[in-house]
C-alpha atoms as a PDB file:
ATOM      1  CA  UNK A   1     -16.093   6.475  25.879  1.00  0.00           C
ATOM      2  CA  UNK A   2     -16.476   8.206  22.639  1.00  0.00           C
ATOM      3  CA  UNK A   3     -15.298  11.481  21.350  1.00  0.00           C
ATOM      4  CA  UNK A   4     -18.345  14.403  21.779  1.00  0.00           C
ATOM      5  CA  UNK A   5     -19.108  15.787  18.424  1.00  0.00           C
ATOM      6  CA  UNK A   6     -17.065  19.024  19.492  1.00  0.00           C
ATOM      7  CA  UNK A   7     -14.052  16.992  20.922  1.00  0.00           C
ATOM      8  CA  UNK A   8     -11.046  16.066  19.106  1.00  0.00           C
ATOM      9  CA  UNK A   9      -9.792  12.582  19.254  1.00  0.00           C
ATOM     10  CA  UNK A  10      -6.181  12.315  19.855  1.00  0.00           C
ATOM     11  CA  UNK A  11      -5.017  11.679  16.543  1.00  0.00           C
ATOM     12  CA  UNK A  12      -7.029  14.542  15.704  1.00  0.00           C
ATOM     13  CA  UNK A  13      -5.379  16.919  17.800  1.00  0.00           C
ATOM     14  CA  UNK A  14      -1.978  15.562  16.805  1.00  0.00           C
ATOM     15  CA  UNK A  15      -2.534  16.116  13.290  1.00  0.00           C
ATOM     16  CA  UNK A  16      -3.969  19.444  13.928  1.00  0.00           C
ATOM     17  CA  UNK A  17      -0.963  20.543  15.639  1.00  0.00           C
ATOM     18  CA  UNK A  18       1.470  19.582  13.165  1.00  0.00           C
ATOM     19  CA  UNK A  19      -0.769  21.676  10.789  1.00  0.00           C
ATOM     20  CA  UNK A  20      -0.684  24.359  13.242  1.00  0.00           C
ATOM     21  CA  UNK A  21       3.197  24.025  12.534  1.00  0.00           C
ATOM     22  CA  UNK A  22       2.565  24.419   9.099  1.00  0.00           C
ATOM     23  CA  UNK A  23       3.982  21.064   8.363  1.00  0.00           C
ATOM     24  CA  UNK A  24       2.667  17.183   7.330  1.00  0.00           C
ATOM     25  CA  UNK A  25       2.563  15.016  10.258  1.00  0.00           C
ATOM     26  CA  UNK A  26       5.069  12.090  10.228  1.00  0.00           C
ATOM     27  CA  UNK A  27       3.701   8.774  10.637  1.00  0.00           C
ATOM     28  CA  UNK A  28       5.726   5.232  10.970  1.00  0.00           C
ATOM     29  CA  UNK A  29       4.738   1.911  10.727  1.00  0.00           C
ATOM     30  CA  UNK A  30       6.221  -1.482  12.055  1.00  0.00           C
ATOM     31  CA  UNK A  31       4.719  -4.889  12.801  1.00  0.00           C
ATOM     32  CA  UNK A  32       4.089  -5.768  16.036  1.00  0.00           C
ATOM     33  CA  UNK A  33       6.139  -8.753  17.343  1.00  0.00           C
ATOM     34  CA  UNK A  34       9.168  -7.618  14.871  1.00  0.00           C
ATOM     35  CA  UNK A  35      11.989  -8.695  15.508  1.00  0.00           C
ATOM     36  CA  UNK A  36      10.387 -10.256  18.638  1.00  0.00           C
ATOM     37  CA  UNK A  37       7.695  -8.821  20.783  1.00  0.00           C
ATOM     38  CA  UNK A  38       9.835  -6.640  23.313  1.00  0.00           C
ATOM     39  CA  UNK A  39      12.483  -5.997  20.347  1.00  0.00           C
ATOM     40  CA  UNK A  40       9.386  -4.481  18.646  1.00  0.00           C
ATOM     41  CA  UNK A  41       8.378  -2.328  21.198  1.00  0.00           C
ATOM     42  CA  UNK A  42      12.051  -0.809  21.293  1.00  0.00           C
ATOM     43  CA  UNK A  43      11.878  -0.226  17.720  1.00  0.00           C
ATOM     44  CA  UNK A  44       8.549   1.501  17.544  1.00  0.00           C
ATOM     45  CA  UNK A  45       9.379   3.546  20.538  1.00  0.00           C
ATOM     46  CA  UNK A  46      12.595   4.561  18.543  1.00  0.00           C
ATOM     47  CA  UNK A  47      10.522   5.928  15.427  1.00  0.00           C
ATOM     48  CA  UNK A  48       8.908   8.191  18.216  1.00  0.00           C
ATOM     49  CA  UNK A  49      12.179   9.333  19.652  1.00  0.00           C
ATOM     50  CA  UNK A  50      13.450   9.849  16.152  1.00  0.00           C
ATOM     51  CA  UNK A  51      10.441  12.490  15.001  1.00  0.00           C
ATOM     52  CA  UNK A  52       7.102  10.324  14.344  1.00  0.00           C
ATOM     53  CA  UNK A  53       3.928  11.806  15.518  1.00  0.00           C
ATOM     54  CA  UNK A  54       1.998   9.142  15.082  1.00  0.00           C
ATOM     55  CA  UNK A  55       2.782   5.291  14.735  1.00  0.00           C
ATOM     56  CA  UNK A  56       1.108   2.103  13.365  1.00  0.00           C
ATOM     57  CA  UNK A  57       1.477  -1.240  14.958  1.00  0.00           C
ATOM     58  CA  UNK A  58       0.802  -4.258  12.342  1.00  0.00           C
ATOM     59  CA  UNK A  59      -0.934  -7.081  13.707  1.00  0.00           C
ATOM     60  CA  UNK A  60       1.014  -9.576  11.490  1.00  0.00           C
ATOM     61  CA  UNK A  61      -0.978 -11.783   8.998  1.00  0.00           C
ATOM     62  CA  UNK A  62      -0.157 -15.014   7.261  1.00  0.00           C
ATOM     63  CA  UNK A  63      -1.791 -13.651   3.941  1.00  0.00           C
ATOM     64  CA  UNK A  64      -1.215  -9.938   3.527  1.00  0.00           C
ATOM     65  CA  UNK A  65      -2.996  -8.144   0.257  1.00  0.00           C
ATOM     66  CA  UNK A  66      -1.411  -4.879   0.733  1.00  0.00           C
ATOM     67  CA  UNK A  67       2.075  -5.346   2.316  1.00  0.00           C
ATOM     68  CA  UNK A  68       4.764  -6.199  -0.285  1.00  0.00           C
ATOM     69  CA  UNK A  69       8.076  -8.448   0.117  1.00  0.00           C
ATOM     70  CA  UNK A  70      10.208  -6.223   2.688  1.00  0.00           C
ATOM     71  CA  UNK A  71       6.824  -6.397   5.289  1.00  0.00           C
ATOM     72  CA  UNK A  72       5.639 -10.206   4.078  1.00  0.00           C
ATOM     73  CA  UNK A  73       9.125 -10.777   5.367  1.00  0.00           C
ATOM     74  CA  UNK A  74       8.661  -8.790   8.505  1.00  0.00           C
ATOM     75  CA  UNK A  75       5.496 -10.396   9.317  1.00  0.00           C
ATOM     76  CA  UNK A  76       6.934 -14.013   8.504  1.00  0.00           C
ATOM     77  CA  UNK A  77       9.557 -13.684  11.420  1.00  0.00           C
ATOM     78  CA  UNK A  78       6.776 -12.455  13.964  1.00  0.00           C
ATOM     79  CA  UNK A  79       4.391 -15.058  13.179  1.00  0.00           C
ATOM     80  CA  UNK A  80       7.231 -17.836  13.260  1.00  0.00           C
ATOM     81  CA  UNK A  81       8.065 -16.393  16.722  1.00  0.00           C
ATOM     82  CA  UNK A  82       4.561 -16.771  18.002  1.00  0.00           C
ATOM     83  CA  UNK A  83       3.220 -13.281  18.191  1.00  0.00           C
ATOM     84  CA  UNK A  84      -0.773 -13.080  18.922  1.00  0.00           C
ATOM     85  CA  UNK A  85      -3.138 -10.337  19.030  1.00  0.00           C
ATOM     86  CA  UNK A  86      -2.044  -9.871  23.011  1.00  0.00           C
ATOM     87  CA  UNK A  87       1.363  -9.339  21.792  1.00  0.00           C
ATOM     88  CA  UNK A  88       0.171  -6.860  19.422  1.00  0.00           C
ATOM     89  CA  UNK A  89      -2.040  -4.983  22.178  1.00  0.00           C
ATOM     90  CA  UNK A  90       0.611  -5.135  24.979  1.00  0.00           C
ATOM     91  CA  UNK A  91       3.105  -3.293  22.478  1.00  0.00           C
ATOM     92  CA  UNK A  92       0.443  -0.747  21.901  1.00  0.00           C
ATOM     93  CA  UNK A  93      -0.070  -0.597  25.918  1.00  0.00           C
ATOM     94  CA  UNK A  94       3.843  -0.063  26.346  1.00  0.00           C
ATOM     95  CA  UNK A  95       4.349   2.414  23.612  1.00  0.00           C
ATOM     96  CA  UNK A  96       1.319   4.512  24.543  1.00  0.00           C
ATOM     97  CA  UNK A  97       2.303   4.660  28.147  1.00  0.00           C
ATOM     98  CA  UNK A  98       6.310   5.588  27.173  1.00  0.00           C
ATOM     99  CA  UNK A  99       5.151   8.099  24.891  1.00  0.00           C
ATOM    100  CA  UNK A 100       1.944   9.875  25.607  1.00  0.00           C
ATOM    101  CA  UNK A 101       2.658  12.887  23.252  1.00  0.00           C
ATOM    102  CA  UNK A 102       2.495  10.283  20.082  1.00  0.00           C
ATOM    103  CA  UNK A 103      -0.991   8.619  19.033  1.00  0.00           C
ATOM    104  CA  UNK A 104      -0.465   4.693  18.536  1.00  0.00           C
ATOM    105  CA  UNK A 105      -2.817   2.968  15.887  1.00  0.00           C
ATOM    106  CA  UNK A 106      -3.143  -0.632  15.066  1.00  0.00           C
ATOM    107  CA  UNK A 107      -2.945  -1.784  10.899  1.00  0.00           C
ATOM    108  CA  UNK A 108      -4.632  -4.772  10.687  1.00  0.00           C
ATOM    109  CA  UNK A 109      -6.487  -6.946   7.848  1.00  0.00           C
ATOM    110  CA  UNK A 110     -10.009  -7.422   9.343  1.00  0.00           C
ATOM    111  CA  UNK A 111     -10.045 -11.747   9.775  1.00  0.00           C
ATOM    112  CA  UNK A 112      -8.265 -11.136  13.139  1.00  0.00           C
ATOM    113  CA  UNK A 113     -10.451  -8.798  14.365  1.00  0.00           C
ATOM    114  CA  UNK A 114     -13.683 -10.181  13.165  1.00  0.00           C
ATOM    115  CA  UNK A 115     -12.431 -13.916  14.922  1.00  0.00           C
ATOM    116  CA  UNK A 116     -11.323 -11.652  17.798  1.00  0.00           C
ATOM    117  CA  UNK A 117     -14.571 -10.453  18.333  1.00  0.00           C
ATOM    118  CA  UNK A 118     -15.335  -6.904  17.137  1.00  0.00           C
ATOM    119  CA  UNK A 119     -16.445  -5.333  20.756  1.00  0.00           C
ATOM    120  CA  UNK A 120     -13.926  -7.083  22.070  1.00  0.00           C
ATOM    121  CA  UNK A 121     -11.064  -5.741  20.028  1.00  0.00           C
ATOM    122  CA  UNK A 122     -12.180  -2.180  20.459  1.00  0.00           C
ATOM    123  CA  UNK A 123     -12.507  -2.163  23.907  1.00  0.00           C
ATOM    124  CA  UNK A 124      -8.829  -3.893  24.272  1.00  0.00           C
ATOM    125  CA  UNK A 125      -7.497  -1.494  21.907  1.00  0.00           C
ATOM    126  CA  UNK A 126      -8.818   1.368  23.667  1.00  0.00           C
ATOM    127  CA  UNK A 127      -8.005   0.015  27.147  1.00  0.00           C
ATOM    128  CA  UNK A 128      -4.145  -0.124  26.239  1.00  0.00           C
ATOM    129  CA  UNK A 129      -4.181   3.325  24.988  1.00  0.00           C
ATOM    130  CA  UNK A 130      -4.593   2.886  21.119  1.00  0.00           C
ATOM    131  CA  UNK A 131      -5.938   5.710  19.352  1.00  0.00           C
ATOM    132  CA  UNK A 132      -7.621   3.857  16.230  1.00  0.00           C
ATOM    133  CA  UNK A 133      -7.182   1.398  13.765  1.00  0.00           C
ATOM    134  CA  UNK A 134      -6.540   1.388   9.804  1.00  0.00           C
ATOM    135  CA  UNK A 135      -8.644  -1.473   8.014  1.00  0.00           C
ATOM    136  CA  UNK A 136      -7.488  -1.464   4.432  1.00  0.00           C
ATOM    137  CA  UNK A 137      -9.342  -4.630   3.424  1.00  0.00           C
ATOM    138  CA  UNK A 138     -12.636  -3.816   5.391  1.00  0.00           C
ATOM    139  CA  UNK A 139     -15.268  -2.438   3.159  1.00  0.00           C
ATOM    140  CA  UNK A 140     -17.095   0.322   4.194  1.00  0.00           C
ATOM    141  CA  UNK A 141     -20.282  -1.305   3.224  1.00  0.00           C
ATOM    142  CA  UNK A 142     -19.596  -3.949   5.870  1.00  0.00           C
ATOM    143  CA  UNK A 143     -18.102  -1.722   8.715  1.00  0.00           C
ATOM    144  CA  UNK A 144     -20.967  -0.544  10.807  1.00  0.00           C
ATOM    145  CA  UNK A 145     -20.322  -2.960  13.543  1.00  0.00           C
ATOM    146  CA  UNK A 146     -16.910  -1.874  13.960  1.00  0.00           C
ATOM    147  CA  UNK A 147     -17.101   1.641  13.571  1.00  0.00           C
ATOM    148  CA  UNK A 148     -20.054   1.484  16.562  1.00  0.00           C
ATOM    149  CA  UNK A 149     -17.800  -0.420  18.523  1.00  0.00           C
ATOM    150  CA  UNK A 150     -14.582   2.030  17.711  1.00  0.00           C
ATOM    151  CA  UNK A 151     -17.126   5.086  18.464  1.00  0.00           C
ATOM    152  CA  UNK A 152     -18.182   3.874  21.894  1.00  0.00           C
ATOM    153  CA  UNK A 153     -14.520   3.470  22.764  1.00  0.00           C
ATOM    154  CA  UNK A 154     -13.427   6.678  21.318  1.00  0.00           C
ATOM    155  CA  UNK A 155     -11.262   5.334  18.619  1.00  0.00           C
ATOM    156  CA  UNK A 156     -10.776   6.716  14.995  1.00  0.00           C
ATOM    157  CA  UNK A 157     -11.469   4.408  12.120  1.00  0.00           C
ATOM    158  CA  UNK A 158      -9.053   5.015   9.293  1.00  0.00           C
ATOM    159  CA  UNK A 159      -9.782   3.658   5.634  1.00  0.00           C
ATOM    160  CA  UNK A 160      -7.971   3.366   2.631  1.00  0.00           C
ATOM    161  CA  UNK A 161      -8.202   5.205  -0.963  1.00  0.00           C
ATOM    162  CA  UNK A 162      -6.419   4.353  -3.918  1.00  0.00           C
ATOM    163  CA  UNK A 163      -5.664   5.863  -7.063  1.00  0.00           C
ATOM    164  CA  UNK A 164      -8.135   3.776  -8.610  1.00  0.00           C
ATOM    165  CA  UNK A 165     -11.013   5.064  -6.423  1.00  0.00           C
ATOM    166  CA  UNK A 166     -13.819   7.269  -8.257  1.00  0.00           C
ATOM    167  CA  UNK A 167     -15.089  10.220  -6.852  1.00  0.00           C
ATOM    168  CA  UNK A 168     -18.358   9.089  -5.769  1.00  0.00           C
ATOM    169  CA  UNK A 169     -16.647   5.935  -4.190  1.00  0.00           C
ATOM    170  CA  UNK A 170     -14.241   8.646  -2.598  1.00  0.00           C
ATOM    171  CA  UNK A 171     -16.974  10.460  -0.818  1.00  0.00           C
ATOM    172  CA  UNK A 172     -18.488   7.353   0.367  1.00  0.00           C
ATOM    173  CA  UNK A 173     -15.071   6.166   2.097  1.00  0.00           C
ATOM    174  CA  UNK A 174     -14.278   9.536   3.771  1.00  0.00           C
ATOM    175  CA  UNK A 175     -17.819   9.913   4.933  1.00  0.00           C
ATOM    176  CA  UNK A 176     -17.380   6.691   7.040  1.00  0.00           C
ATOM    177  CA  UNK A 177     -14.106   7.269   8.136  1.00  0.00           C
ATOM    178  CA  UNK A 178     -12.413   9.254  10.812  1.00  0.00           C
ATOM    179  CA  UNK A 179      -8.976  10.660  12.143  1.00  0.00           C
ATOM    180  CA  UNK A 180      -7.318  10.987   8.746  1.00  0.00           C
ATOM    181  CA  UNK A 181      -7.983   9.199   5.309  1.00  0.00           C
ATOM    182  CA  UNK A 182      -5.161   7.003   3.947  1.00  0.00           C
ATOM    183  CA  UNK A 183      -4.213   7.784   0.515  1.00  0.00           C
ATOM    184  CA  UNK A 184      -2.444   4.980  -1.144  1.00  0.00           C
ATOM    185  CA  UNK A 185       0.278   7.066  -3.302  1.00  0.00           C
ATOM    186  CA  UNK A 186       0.688   4.113  -6.190  1.00  0.00           C
ATOM    187  CA  UNK A 187      -1.381   1.275  -7.294  1.00  0.00           C
ATOM    188  CA  UNK A 188       0.418  -1.832  -5.947  1.00  0.00           C
ATOM    189  CA  UNK A 189       1.620  -3.097  -2.823  1.00  0.00           C
ATOM    190  CA  UNK A 190       3.890  -1.555  -0.271  1.00  0.00           C
ATOM    191  CA  UNK A 191       7.616  -0.930  -0.628  1.00  0.00           C
ATOM    192  CA  UNK A 192      10.392   1.614  -0.808  1.00  0.00           C
ATOM    193  CA  UNK A 193      10.320   3.081  -4.281  1.00  0.00           C
ATOM    194  CA  UNK A 194      12.805   5.516  -6.697  1.00  0.00           C
ATOM    195  CA  UNK A 195       9.969   7.901  -7.192  1.00  0.00           C
ATOM    196  CA  UNK A 196       6.852   8.506  -4.771  1.00  0.00           C
ATOM    197  CA  UNK A 197       4.347   8.535  -7.843  1.00  0.00           C
ATOM    198  CA  UNK A 198       2.680  10.896 -10.003  1.00  0.00           C
ATOM    199  CA  UNK A 199      -0.888   9.735  -8.991  1.00  0.00           C
ATOM    200  CA  UNK A 200      -0.598  10.643  -5.220  1.00  0.00           C
ATOM    201  CA  UNK A 201      -0.967  14.496  -5.737  1.00  0.00           C
ATOM    202  CA  UNK A 202      -4.214  14.068  -7.702  1.00  0.00           C
ATOM    203  CA  UNK A 203      -5.460  11.485  -5.226  1.00  0.00           C
ATOM    204  CA  UNK A 204      -5.069  13.853  -2.220  1.00  0.00           C
ATOM    205  CA  UNK A 205      -6.813  16.468  -4.566  1.00  0.00           C
ATOM    206  CA  UNK A 206      -9.860  14.185  -5.289  1.00  0.00           C
ATOM    207  CA  UNK A 207     -10.049  13.303  -1.835  1.00  0.00           C
ATOM    208  CA  UNK A 208      -9.598  16.628  -0.230  1.00  0.00           C
ATOM    209  CA  UNK A 209     -12.598  17.606  -2.502  1.00  0.00           C
ATOM    210  CA  UNK A 210     -15.070  14.841  -0.638  1.00  0.00           C
ATOM    211  CA  UNK A 211     -13.981  15.839   2.987  1.00  0.00           C
ATOM    212  CA  UNK A 212     -12.556  17.682   5.741  1.00  0.00           C
ATOM    213  CA  UNK A 213     -10.528  14.828   7.185  1.00  0.00           C
ATOM    214  CA  UNK A 214      -6.595  15.169   6.937  1.00  0.00           C
ATOM    215  CA  UNK A 215      -5.194  13.313   4.226  1.00  0.00           C
ATOM    216  CA  UNK A 216      -2.046  10.958   4.694  1.00  0.00           C
ATOM    217  CA  UNK A 217      -0.212   9.554   1.793  1.00  0.00           C
ATOM    218  CA  UNK A 218       1.629   5.771   2.103  1.00  0.00           C
ATOM    219  CA  UNK A 219       3.411   3.408   0.174  1.00  0.00           C
ATOM    220  CA  UNK A 220       6.731   4.250  -1.084  1.00  0.00           C
ATOM    221  CA  UNK A 221       8.384   7.171   0.830  1.00  0.00           C
ATOM    222  CA  UNK A 222      11.763   6.102   2.296  1.00  0.00           C
ATOM    223  CA  UNK A 223      14.139   9.379   2.118  1.00  0.00           C
ATOM    224  CA  UNK A 224      13.857  12.839   3.336  1.00  0.00           C
ATOM    225  CA  UNK A 225      13.731  14.392  -0.093  1.00  0.00           C
ATOM    226  CA  UNK A 226      10.518  12.037  -0.837  1.00  0.00           C
ATOM    227  CA  UNK A 227       8.768  13.056   2.563  1.00  0.00           C
ATOM    228  CA  UNK A 228       9.575  16.952   1.707  1.00  0.00           C
ATOM    229  CA  UNK A 229       7.652  16.148  -1.756  1.00  0.00           C
ATOM    230  CA  UNK A 230       4.747  14.124  -0.225  1.00  0.00           C
ATOM    231  CA  UNK A 231       4.301  16.985   2.667  1.00  0.00           C
ATOM    232  CA  UNK A 232       4.316  19.663  -0.080  1.00  0.00           C
ATOM    233  CA  UNK A 233       0.511  18.349  -0.840  1.00  0.00           C
ATOM    234  CA  UNK A 234      -0.561  16.143   1.973  1.00  0.00           C
ATOM    235  CA  UNK A 235      -1.469  16.420   5.962  1.00  0.00           C
ATOM    236  CA  UNK A 236       0.741  13.285   6.530  1.00  0.00           C
ATOM    237  CA  UNK A 237       3.406  11.431   5.497  1.00  0.00           C
ATOM    238  CA  UNK A 238       3.318   7.403   6.312  1.00  0.00           C
ATOM    239  CA  UNK A 239       6.409   5.175   5.854  1.00  0.00           C
ATOM    240  CA  UNK A 240       7.010   1.683   6.586  1.00  0.00           C
ATOM    241  CA  UNK A 241       8.852  -0.761   4.661  1.00  0.00           C
ATOM    242  CA  UNK A 242      11.800   1.919   5.064  1.00  0.00           C
ATOM    243  CA  UNK A 243      11.989   1.255   8.645  1.00  0.00           C
ATOM    244  CA  UNK A 244      11.751  -2.562   8.235  1.00  0.00           C
ATOM    245  CA  UNK A 245      14.452  -2.706   5.724  1.00  0.00           C
ATOM    246  CA  UNK A 246      16.580  -0.932   8.376  1.00  0.00           C
ATOM    247  CA  UNK A 247      15.987  -3.360  10.858  1.00  0.00           C
ATOM    248  CA  UNK A 248      16.367  -6.360   8.724  1.00  0.00           C
ATOM    249  CA  UNK A 249      19.769  -5.047   7.413  1.00  0.00           C
ATOM    250  CA  UNK A 250      20.676  -4.851  10.972  1.00  0.00           C
ATOM    251  CA  UNK A 251      20.434  -8.469  11.279  1.00  0.00           C
ATOM    252  CA  UNK A 252      20.980  -9.677  15.087  1.00  0.00           C
ATOM    253  CA  UNK A 253      22.325  -6.483  16.213  1.00  0.00           C
ATOM    254  CA  UNK A 254      19.643  -4.651  17.934  1.00  0.00           C
ATOM    255  CA  UNK A 255      21.774  -1.379  19.071  1.00  0.00           C
ATOM    256  CA  UNK A 256      22.529  -0.941  15.285  1.00  0.00           C
ATOM    257  CA  UNK A 257      18.840  -1.631  14.134  1.00  0.00           C
ATOM    258  CA  UNK A 258      17.365   0.931  16.931  1.00  0.00           C
ATOM    259  CA  UNK A 259      20.214   3.824  15.771  1.00  0.00           C
ATOM    260  CA  UNK A 260      19.204   3.167  12.128  1.00  0.00           C
ATOM    261  CA  UNK A 261      15.563   3.572  12.503  1.00  0.00           C
ATOM    262  CA  UNK A 262      15.846   6.673  15.016  1.00  0.00           C
ATOM    263  CA  UNK A 263      18.089   8.199  12.597  1.00  0.00           C
ATOM    264  CA  UNK A 264      15.753   7.601   9.689  1.00  0.00           C
ATOM    265  CA  UNK A 265      12.641   9.094  11.503  1.00  0.00           C
ATOM    266  CA  UNK A 266      14.982  12.117  12.454  1.00  0.00           C
ATOM    267  CA  UNK A 267      15.684  12.371   8.511  1.00  0.00           C
ATOM    268  CA  UNK A 268      11.907  11.677   7.527  1.00  0.00           C
ATOM    269  CA  UNK A 269      10.917  14.513  10.307  1.00  0.00           C
ATOM    270  CA  UNK A 270      13.709  16.869   8.873  1.00  0.00           C
ATOM    271  CA  UNK A 271      11.864  16.045   5.502  1.00  0.00           C
ATOM    272  CA  UNK A 272       8.502  17.083   6.328  1.00  0.00           C
ATOM    273  CA  UNK A 273       9.363  20.265   7.812  1.00  0.00           C
ATOM    274  CA  UNK A 274      11.024  21.514   4.933  1.00  0.00           C
ATOM    275  CA  UNK A 275       9.557  24.691   3.322  1.00  0.00           C
END
C-alpha cells in the first residue's frame, strides 16, 4: 500500500533517525547470491550487525555499466552459481525479517525488472519486505510505469546523479525520486579509492539545492576516515566494493569473511559518527 503524503516510508524514517542523531546513515551493498545465496544472506545480515542502517542487495547482471572490477567479479560468481531474481527476493525477505530495524533495498539495472514484469517485481519486492529500489540506468523520462507500481506498494525509488549532471537535470531527477538521492562521488565505475573525490561535496550541495531528499554518497568509500569525511557533508555514506573485497580475500573461509565484513561495517559506522 502506498505511503500517504504525510507518512514517512521506512527508508525515510531510518534516514531521519540518523539525522536526528546528528550523523550520516551508513548504507552497505553486496550482490545477492554472493558467494552463494545462503552465504550472501549471512553476509548482508553481518553488515547490519556491524552497524549498517540500510543495505542494498544487488541483483547480479551480466553486463553492468556502473560496477567496477570487484563487483563484476562478485556478480560473475553469483551468476555462475545460478542466482535468479527469486533468490534475490528471498535474500531481501530473510534479511528484512531478521533485521526489521534496517531498510533493505534492491539495486538493479532495468532490464531484469522489465523482463520479470514491472508490476510483478514491485509487488514481490514489497511482499518480501523490501523498502525500495535503486535503478541506476533507468532514465527518469521512462520511469513512470515503475514509479506508479512502486508507489502502489509503498516502495521508494532512488535515482543516481553524477558530477556531470547539470543543475536542471538534477532538478528533474530529484523531483522524480524518493527515499534519497544516490550521488556518485566520482566519474567512472564503482571501486575503492585512496581519495573520495573532490567533486562529491559540490555535487551534494548542488543536489540539495533542488530537493529536500537526503543525499547519500557512494563510489569509492572504503575506510573509516573516508566515511567520516563524506559524513561531514552528506546525509548517507554508501559502501559496496570494500565489503565485496573482504569476502573475496577470505576465499572459502566463510567465518573469516563474515568477521571481516562485520568488522569493516563497525569501523565505518564509527566513522560516520565522528564529529
